[in-house]
Amino acid sequence: MGELGKCSNQEWLDDVYEKILVKMKAECARVGTMIPYSPKEGRYHDLDGMGGIHNWTNGFWPGMLWQMYEATGDEAYRTAAEGVEERMDEILTDMKGVDHDAGFLFLLSAVADYRKTGNEASLHRGLIAANLLAGRFNPVGNFIRAWGDGLNMNSFFGDGDVSGWMIVDCMMNIPLLYWASEETKDPRFAHIALKHAKTAQRYVVREDGSCNHIVGINPQTGEFSDNPGGQGFEKGSSWSRGQSWAVYGFALSYRHTKDESFLATAKQCAHYCISNMAVNDWLPLVDYRAPEEPRKYDSTAGMITAAGLLEIAEHVGEHEKRFYTEAAFRILRACDEKFANWDPEVDSIMDGGTYFYHDPSGENTEVPIIYADYYLIESVLRLKGKAMFAW
């Protein structure tokens, strides 16, 4: 693992934490209340994601700011995060753009604000978002519908009735519903989250711990219909970011429900990810079931997997904890060595993010993507005992 491999995990952790402090202080001053996605020529630009203000990634910058505020107490982070949150009000007044990713958008912005400051306006934003997410629930099929009518998802993923599609990503969004139930003392939100997680457990996760990205369910009868190919190499392959959502998402459903089957499923998916990365220098390929060449990486999958492994580590016994923590360290350190850019004058930390396997333009292949940085920061702060719980 190069020079980094010569130091201990604790030495590496302390070094990276100091680098994050420098990098994020510079980025916060430069970026402020812009909502970034991926830098162009080393600089972030406002709302450059595909969906504008509704882009599902828009919660990650305020999430990073709240994590840094928790760790440092620097008011500049809080001020910028609150400014982004106020801009995101537009999402709640143009609700046609809200889909299954309401959790990504509002857990890391409004709900983080409320948890930290008790801001009543932030509470209201979070509860509106939770109601919108709950409103996507199909009670016949027991799943939360992915995407919306305005997006032609068939052009990306092939033919299918998108009104019956659920995706693995949503496991990271349903914590918004668990939070809403805890906050309102109304179990309806948690019932929806639990039913969706059970359906995902049944149809998304395969016996070997690999996952489908998309599952098609007949929206009229609730019967399974198909598992269309998604953002990985092909139907039946193993898209690594989807695997990472499963690792972290099922671990979070265990945290919120104490249903032991969710922890078992999180472990199953984690072991699949660990075994695949262990034979690839602890680096995440875009798809774990793709041709050997061309070799394509996705650092975002590595950062999310590491964060999920650290979540699992909080829920296992003392003698099991080391396995998940050590695997997380190895992934973080390998990705740091290969992909990280710590120059404070350049926006973004983690290069090497790939949005989907088949990217004809190449513009979304092995590039810096905002959520790789979020999960890196969350993981490092968690290991330092300085993280805000955001899920």
Protein backbone atom coordinates (compact mmCIF):
# COMPACT_ATOMS: atom_id res chain seq x y z
CA MET A 1 0.00 0.00 0.00
CA GLY A 2 2.90 2.35 -0.69
CA GLU A 3 4.12 4.79 1.96
CA LEU A 4 0.75 4.85 3.70
CA GLY A 5 1.06 1.13 4.36
CA LYS A 6 4.09 1.76 6.57
CA CYS A 7 2.17 3.68 9.22
CA SER A 8 -0.39 2.37 11.71
CA ASN A 9 -4.11 2.83 11.25
CA GLN A 10 -4.11 5.39 14.06
CA GLU A 11 -1.26 7.36 12.50
CA TRP A 12 -3.04 7.32 9.15
CA LEU A 13 -6.30 8.38 10.77
CA ASP A 14 -4.74 11.31 12.63
CA ASP A 15 -2.95 12.45 9.47
CA VAL A 16 -6.07 12.28 7.29
CA TYR A 17 -8.16 14.07 9.89
CA GLU A 18 -5.72 16.99 9.87
CA LYS A 19 -5.83 17.06 6.07
CA ILE A 20 -9.64 17.14 6.16
CA LEU A 21 -9.56 20.12 8.53
CA VAL A 22 -7.37 22.08 6.11
CA LYS A 23 -9.21 21.03 2.96
CA MET A 24 -12.72 21.61 4.27
CA LYS A 25 -11.89 25.01 5.77
CA ALA A 26 -10.68 26.14 2.34
CA GLU A 27 -13.65 24.60 0.51
CA CYS A 28 -16.21 26.06 2.90
CA ALA A 29 -14.78 29.55 2.35
CA ARG A 30 -14.80 29.05 -1.42
CA VAL A 31 -18.05 27.14 -1.94
CA GLY A 32 -20.26 28.55 0.83
CA THR A 33 -23.94 28.06 -0.01
CA MET A 34 -23.39 26.75 -3.50
CA ILE A 35 -24.63 23.20 -4.01
CA PRO A 36 -21.84 21.27 -5.75
CA TYR A 37 -21.68 17.88 -7.45
CA SER A 38 -18.43 17.34 -9.38
CA PRO A 39 -15.70 19.93 -9.97
CA LYS A 40 -14.70 21.09 -13.43
CA GLU A 41 -11.01 21.98 -13.79
CA GLY A 42 -10.62 21.83 -10.03
CA ARG A 43 -13.54 24.08 -9.11
CA TYR A 44 -17.06 23.37 -7.91
CA HIS A 45 -19.95 25.13 -9.63
CA ASP A 46 -23.45 25.68 -8.32
CA LEU A 47 -26.15 23.12 -9.17
CA ASP A 48 -24.16 21.33 -11.83
CA GLY A 49 -25.84 17.95 -11.16
CA MET A 50 -28.28 16.49 -13.65
CA GLY A 51 -31.43 17.43 -11.74
CA GLY A 52 -30.71 21.03 -10.77
CA ILE A 53 -32.12 21.90 -7.35
CA HIS A 54 -33.84 18.48 -7.23
CA ASN A 55 -30.68 16.46 -7.86
CA TRP A 56 -30.53 13.60 -5.37
CA THR A 57 -26.94 14.48 -4.40
CA ASN A 58 -27.73 17.97 -3.12
CA GLY A 59 -27.82 16.95 0.54
CA PHE A 60 -24.22 15.80 0.66
CA TRP A 61 -22.56 19.23 0.78
CA PRO A 62 -24.67 20.41 3.74
CA GLY A 63 -24.08 16.96 5.25
CA MET A 64 -20.34 17.53 5.05
CA LEU A 65 -20.77 20.98 6.60
CA TRP A 66 -22.80 19.64 9.52
CA GLN A 67 -20.26 16.87 10.10
CA MET A 68 -17.47 19.44 10.21
CA TYR A 69 -19.49 21.69 12.53
CA GLU A 70 -20.00 18.74 14.86
CA ALA A 71 -16.28 17.98 14.82
CA THR A 72 -14.92 21.50 15.12
CA GLY A 73 -17.63 23.88 16.35
CA ASP A 74 -16.60 26.33 13.61
CA GLU A 75 -19.64 28.55 12.96
CA ALA A 76 -18.68 29.02 9.31
CA TYR A 77 -19.80 25.45 8.64
CA ARG A 78 -23.14 25.96 10.35
CA THR A 79 -23.80 29.23 8.54
CA ALA A 80 -23.10 27.69 5.13
CA ALA A 81 -25.18 24.58 5.91
CA GLU A 82 -28.17 26.67 6.99
CA GLY A 83 -27.90 28.74 3.81
CA VAL A 84 -27.99 25.62 1.63
CA GLU A 85 -30.96 24.28 3.59
CA GLU A 86 -32.94 27.45 2.94
CA ARG A 87 -32.18 27.19 -0.78
CA MET A 88 -33.52 23.64 -0.74
CA ASP A 89 -36.97 24.91 0.27
CA GLU A 90 -37.58 25.18 -3.46
CA ILE A 91 -37.66 21.39 -3.62
CA LEU A 92 -40.59 21.27 -1.22
CA THR A 93 -42.56 23.85 -3.15
CA ASP A 94 -42.07 22.05 -6.48
CA MET A 95 -42.77 18.55 -5.29
CA LYS A 96 -43.04 16.93 -8.71
CA GLY A 97 -39.28 16.58 -8.64
CA VAL A 98 -39.21 14.71 -5.31
CA ASP A 99 -38.74 10.95 -5.55
CA HIS A 100 -37.37 8.11 -3.42
CA ASP A 101 -34.22 10.14 -2.67
CA ALA A 102 -35.94 12.50 -0.23
CA GLY A 103 -33.87 10.95 2.54
CA PHE A 104 -30.55 11.78 0.92
CA LEU A 105 -31.73 15.34 0.40
CA PHE A 106 -33.20 16.12 3.81
CA LEU A 107 -31.58 13.81 6.38
CA LEU A 108 -28.23 15.47 5.73
CA SER A 109 -29.61 19.01 5.65
CA ALA A 110 -32.84 19.81 7.52
CA VAL A 111 -32.87 16.80 9.84
CA ALA A 112 -29.18 17.25 10.66
CA ASP A 113 -29.92 20.90 11.49
CA TYR A 114 -32.85 19.96 13.72
CA ARG A 115 -30.90 17.26 15.52
CA LYS A 116 -28.05 19.66 16.22
CA THR A 117 -29.86 22.95 16.87
CA GLY A 118 -33.54 22.14 17.50
CA ASN A 119 -34.56 24.49 14.69
CA GLU A 120 -38.36 24.13 14.30
CA ALA A 121 -38.30 25.17 10.64
CA SER A 122 -35.87 22.34 9.97
CA LEU A 123 -38.17 19.90 11.79
CA HIS A 124 -41.03 20.94 9.51
CA ARG A 125 -38.88 20.50 6.39
CA GLY A 126 -37.88 17.04 7.50
CA LEU A 127 -41.45 15.98 8.23
CA ILE A 128 -42.72 17.30 4.88
CA ALA A 129 -40.00 15.27 3.15
CA ALA A 130 -40.92 12.18 5.18
CA ASN A 131 -44.56 12.52 4.18
CA LEU A 132 -43.55 12.83 0.52
CA LEU A 133 -41.43 9.70 0.79
CA ALA A 134 -44.16 7.79 2.61
CA GLY A 135 -46.61 8.84 -0.11
CA ARG A 136 -44.62 6.79 -2.62
CA PHE A 137 -45.40 3.55 -0.80
CA ASN A 138 -47.30 0.87 -2.74
CA PRO A 139 -49.35 -1.03 -0.12
CA VAL A 140 -50.04 -3.98 -2.44
CA GLY A 141 -46.41 -4.67 -3.21
CA ASN A 142 -45.04 -3.29 0.09
CA PHE A 143 -42.38 -1.13 -1.54
CA ILE A 144 -41.50 2.52 -2.07
CA ARG A 145 -41.55 3.39 -5.74
CA ALA A 146 -38.33 4.60 -7.31
CA TRP A 147 -38.08 7.66 -9.53
CA GLY A 148 -41.01 9.52 -11.04
CA ASP A 149 -43.15 9.89 -14.11
CA GLY A 150 -41.11 12.80 -15.42
CA LEU A 151 -37.99 10.69 -15.94
CA ASN A 152 -37.71 8.34 -18.88
CA MET A 153 -35.81 5.65 -16.98
CA ASN A 154 -36.41 3.13 -19.74
CA SER A 155 -33.93 5.07 -21.87
CA PHE A 156 -31.29 4.23 -19.24
CA PHE A 157 -32.26 0.76 -18.09
CA GLY A 158 -34.51 -0.85 -20.70
CA ASP A 159 -38.21 -1.54 -20.94
CA GLY A 160 -40.42 -1.94 -17.89
CA ASP A 161 -43.30 -0.44 -15.97
CA VAL A 162 -41.42 2.07 -13.84
CA SER A 163 -44.42 2.51 -11.54
CA GLY A 164 -43.49 -0.91 -10.15
CA TRP A 165 -39.77 -0.31 -9.75
CA MET A 166 -37.93 -0.30 -6.43
CA ILE A 167 -34.16 0.10 -6.14
CA VAL A 168 -31.50 -0.81 -3.60
CA ASP A 169 -30.57 2.88 -3.10
CA CYS A 170 -33.80 3.45 -1.19
CA MET A 171 -32.45 1.48 1.79
CA MET A 172 -30.46 4.64 2.58
CA ASN A 173 -33.53 6.86 2.30
CA ILE A 174 -35.92 5.02 4.61
CA PRO A 175 -34.09 6.18 7.76
CA LEU A 176 -35.98 9.44 7.12
CA LEU A 177 -39.15 7.48 7.89
CA TYR A 178 -37.73 5.86 11.01
CA TRP A 179 -36.73 9.35 12.22
CA ALA A 180 -40.20 10.75 11.47
CA SER A 181 -41.84 8.02 13.55
CA GLU A 182 -39.48 8.66 16.44
CA GLU A 183 -40.07 12.39 16.25
CA THR A 184 -43.88 12.31 15.89
CA LYS A 185 -44.52 9.15 17.95
CA ASP A 186 -46.56 7.97 14.95
CA PRO A 187 -45.65 4.41 13.90
CA ARG A 188 -47.02 4.72 10.35
CA PHE A 189 -43.75 5.99 8.93
CA ALA A 190 -41.73 3.19 10.52
CA HIS A 191 -44.25 0.59 9.31
CA ILE A 192 -43.67 1.74 5.73
CA ALA A 193 -39.90 1.68 6.15
CA LEU A 194 -40.02 -1.80 7.69
CA LYS A 195 -42.24 -3.22 4.96
CA HIS A 196 -40.05 -1.75 2.24
CA ALA A 197 -36.90 -3.17 3.89
CA LYS A 198 -38.49 -6.63 4.10
CA THR A 199 -39.41 -6.50 0.40
CA ALA A 200 -35.86 -5.41 -0.47
CA GLN A 201 -34.50 -8.20 1.67
CA ARG A 202 -36.58 -10.69 -0.31
CA TYR A 203 -36.03 -9.45 -3.86
CA VAL A 204 -32.93 -7.22 -3.92
CA VAL A 205 -30.43 -9.39 -2.03
CA ARG A 206 -29.35 -12.66 -3.63
CA GLU A 207 -28.27 -15.78 -1.74
CA ASP A 208 -24.56 -15.03 -2.16
CA GLY A 209 -24.86 -11.49 -0.78
CA SER A 210 -24.79 -9.79 -4.17
CA CYS A 211 -27.64 -7.44 -5.04
CA ASN A 212 -29.93 -6.41 -7.82
CA HIS A 213 -30.04 -2.69 -8.47
CA ILE A 214 -33.63 -2.59 -9.73
CA VAL A 215 -36.53 -4.88 -8.88
CA GLY A 216 -39.75 -4.78 -10.86
CA ILE A 217 -42.99 -5.52 -9.02
CA ASN A 218 -46.45 -5.52 -10.58
CA PRO A 219 -47.94 -2.37 -9.01
CA GLN A 220 -51.48 -3.77 -9.30
CA THR A 221 -50.90 -7.26 -7.83
CA GLY A 222 -47.68 -6.96 -5.84
CA GLU A 223 -46.12 -9.91 -7.66
CA PHE A 224 -42.44 -9.94 -8.60
CA SER A 225 -41.98 -9.34 -12.32
CA ASP A 226 -38.31 -8.81 -13.15
CA ASN A 227 -34.95 -7.44 -12.09
CA PRO A 228 -33.94 -5.09 -14.94
CA GLY A 229 -30.32 -4.19 -15.43
CA GLY A 230 -29.33 -0.94 -13.77
CA GLN A 231 -26.18 1.12 -13.36
CA GLY A 232 -23.85 -1.87 -13.41
CA PHE A 233 -22.48 -3.89 -16.31
CA GLU A 234 -25.59 -5.94 -17.12
CA LYS A 235 -28.69 -7.58 -15.72
CA GLY A 236 -27.66 -9.96 -12.96
CA SER A 237 -24.29 -8.32 -12.41
CA SER A 238 -23.16 -6.71 -9.18
CA TRP A 239 -23.02 -2.91 -9.27
CA SER A 240 -20.68 -1.96 -6.45
CA ARG A 241 -22.43 1.20 -5.27
CA GLY A 242 -25.68 -0.74 -5.04
CA GLN A 243 -23.83 -3.28 -2.91
CA SER A 244 -22.62 -0.46 -0.66
CA TRP A 245 -26.14 0.94 -0.24
CA ALA A 246 -27.23 -2.52 0.89
CA VAL A 247 -24.40 -2.88 3.41
CA TYR A 248 -25.09 0.47 5.06
CA GLY A 249 -28.85 0.53 4.51
CA PHE A 250 -29.62 -2.83 6.11
CA ALA A 251 -27.29 -2.02 9.00
CA LEU A 252 -29.28 1.18 9.56
CA SER A 253 -32.58 -0.68 9.45
CA TYR A 254 -31.18 -2.92 12.16
CA ARG A 255 -30.22 0.13 14.23
CA HIS A 256 -33.74 1.52 13.98
CA THR A 257 -35.77 -1.69 14.36
CA LYS A 258 -33.47 -4.16 16.17
CA ASP A 259 -34.68 -6.80 13.71
CA GLU A 260 -31.77 -9.27 13.77
CA SER A 261 -32.46 -10.37 10.19
CA PHE A 262 -31.45 -6.93 8.95
CA LEU A 263 -28.07 -7.15 10.67
CA ALA A 264 -27.57 -10.61 9.17
CA THR A 265 -28.38 -9.27 5.71
CA ALA A 266 -26.02 -6.31 6.17
CA LYS A 267 -23.25 -8.74 7.12
CA GLN A 268 -24.03 -10.98 4.15
CA CYS A 269 -23.73 -8.05 1.74
CA ALA A 270 -20.65 -6.77 3.57
CA HIS A 271 -18.85 -10.10 3.27
CA TYR A 272 -19.54 -10.12 -0.47
CA CYS A 273 -18.04 -6.62 -0.82
CA ILE A 274 -15.05 -7.39 1.39
CA SER A 275 -14.18 -10.56 -0.51
CA ASN A 276 -14.32 -8.74 -3.85
CA MET A 277 -12.24 -5.79 -2.72
CA ALA A 278 -9.72 -7.99 -0.92
CA VAL A 279 -8.66 -9.56 -4.23
CA ASN A 280 -8.43 -6.14 -5.90
CA ASP A 281 -6.01 -4.32 -3.56
CA TRP A 282 -8.99 -3.17 -1.45
CA LEU A 283 -10.24 -0.98 -4.29
CA PRO A 284 -13.87 -1.01 -5.51
CA LEU A 285 -14.54 -1.83 -9.13
CA VAL A 286 -17.69 -0.32 -10.66
CA ASP A 287 -19.17 -3.80 -10.94
CA TYR A 288 -17.93 -6.94 -9.20
CA ARG A 289 -19.26 -9.09 -12.05
CA ALA A 290 -17.90 -7.33 -15.13
CA PRO A 291 -15.19 -8.17 -17.64
CA GLU A 292 -11.64 -7.82 -16.31
CA GLU A 293 -10.93 -5.19 -18.92
CA PRO A 294 -11.51 -2.32 -19.09
CA ARG A 295 -10.89 -1.98 -15.37
CA LYS A 296 -13.20 0.70 -14.00
CA TYR A 297 -13.20 1.94 -10.41
CA ASP A 298 -15.81 3.70 -8.31
CA SER A 299 -14.39 5.33 -5.20
CA THR A 300 -17.90 6.27 -4.05
CA ALA A 301 -18.68 2.57 -3.55
CA GLY A 302 -15.57 2.21 -1.42
CA MET A 303 -16.39 5.16 0.82
CA ILE A 304 -20.02 4.08 1.33
CA THR A 305 -18.99 0.48 2.01
CA ALA A 306 -16.46 1.63 4.60
CA ALA A 307 -19.08 3.76 6.34
CA GLY A 308 -21.48 0.80 6.33
CA LEU A 309 -18.84 -1.51 7.80
CA LEU A 310 -18.28 0.96 10.63
CA GLU A 311 -22.04 0.99 11.25
CA ILE A 312 -22.07 -2.82 11.46
CA ALA A 313 -19.11 -2.68 13.85
CA GLU A 314 -21.23 -0.71 16.31
CA HIS A 315 -23.74 -3.56 16.57
CA VAL A 316 -21.54 -6.64 16.98
CA GLY A 317 -19.59 -8.09 19.88
CA GLU A 318 -16.13 -7.01 20.90
CA HIS A 319 -14.34 -9.91 19.18
CA GLU A 320 -16.23 -9.45 15.90
CA LYS A 321 -15.89 -5.67 15.72
CA ARG A 322 -12.25 -5.75 14.63
CA PHE A 323 -13.07 -7.62 11.39
CA TYR A 324 -15.39 -4.87 10.12
CA THR A 325 -13.28 -1.98 11.40
CA GLU A 326 -10.08 -3.37 9.89
CA ALA A 327 -11.78 -3.93 6.54
CA ALA A 328 -13.05 -0.33 6.61
CA PHE A 329 -9.54 0.95 7.32
CA ARG A 330 -8.10 -1.04 4.43
CA ILE A 331 -10.67 0.32 1.97
CA LEU A 332 -10.26 3.89 3.19
CA ARG A 333 -6.48 3.75 3.07
CA ALA A 334 -6.34 2.10 -0.37
CA CYS A 335 -8.73 4.68 -1.83
CA ASP A 336 -6.88 7.53 -0.12
CA GLU A 337 -3.61 6.40 -1.68
CA LYS A 338 -5.04 5.95 -5.17
CA PHE A 339 -7.70 8.65 -5.47
CA ALA A 340 -7.32 11.43 -2.88
CA ASN A 341 -6.26 14.99 -3.72
CA TRP A 342 -5.45 16.94 -0.55
CA ASP A 343 -4.49 20.21 -2.25
CA PRO A 344 -6.65 22.83 -0.45
CA GLU A 345 -6.70 24.96 -3.61
CA VAL A 346 -8.50 22.20 -5.57
CA ASP A 347 -12.15 21.38 -4.87
CA SER A 348 -13.06 17.78 -3.92
CA ILE A 349 -11.00 15.22 -2.09
CA MET A 350 -11.77 11.86 -3.63
CA ASP A 351 -11.31 11.28 -7.35
CA GLY A 352 -12.22 7.99 -9.06
CA GLY A 353 -16.02 8.11 -8.77
CA THR A 354 -18.09 6.49 -11.53
CA TYR A 355 -21.79 7.23 -11.84
CA PHE A 356 -22.71 4.21 -13.99
CA TYR A 357 -20.80 1.51 -15.86
CA HIS A 358 -21.94 2.29 -19.40
CA ASP A 359 -21.03 5.95 -19.79
CA PRO A 360 -20.52 6.71 -23.49
CA SER A 361 -19.31 10.25 -22.85
CA GLY A 362 -16.77 9.27 -20.22
CA GLU A 363 -17.65 12.44 -18.30
CA ASN A 364 -18.97 10.45 -15.34
CA THR A 365 -16.26 7.78 -15.21
CA GLU A 366 -13.54 7.99 -12.55
CA VAL A 367 -14.15 11.62 -11.63
CA PRO A 368 -14.60 13.42 -8.29
CA ILE A 369 -18.19 13.03 -7.01
CA ILE A 370 -19.45 14.84 -3.92
CA TYR A 371 -20.80 11.84 -2.01
CA ALA A 372 -17.42 10.09 -2.02
CA ASP A 373 -16.17 13.01 0.06
CA TYR A 374 -19.20 12.92 2.35
CA TYR A 375 -18.77 9.24 3.24
CA LEU A 376 -15.00 9.63 3.61
CA ILE A 377 -15.51 12.46 6.09
CA GLU A 378 -18.26 10.62 7.94
CA SER A 379 -16.06 7.52 8.23
CA VAL A 380 -12.97 9.38 9.41
CA LEU A 381 -14.95 11.38 11.95
CA ARG A 382 -16.69 8.24 13.19
CA LEU A 383 -13.31 6.56 13.71
CA LYS A 384 -12.16 9.71 15.57
CA GLY A 385 -15.29 9.75 17.75
CA LYS A 386 -16.30 13.14 16.33
CA ALA A 387 -19.09 12.30 13.85
CA MET A 388 -22.71 13.42 13.93
CA PHE A 389 -25.12 10.52 13.46
CA ALA A 390 -27.03 11.54 10.34
CA TRP A 391 -29.15 8.52 9.50
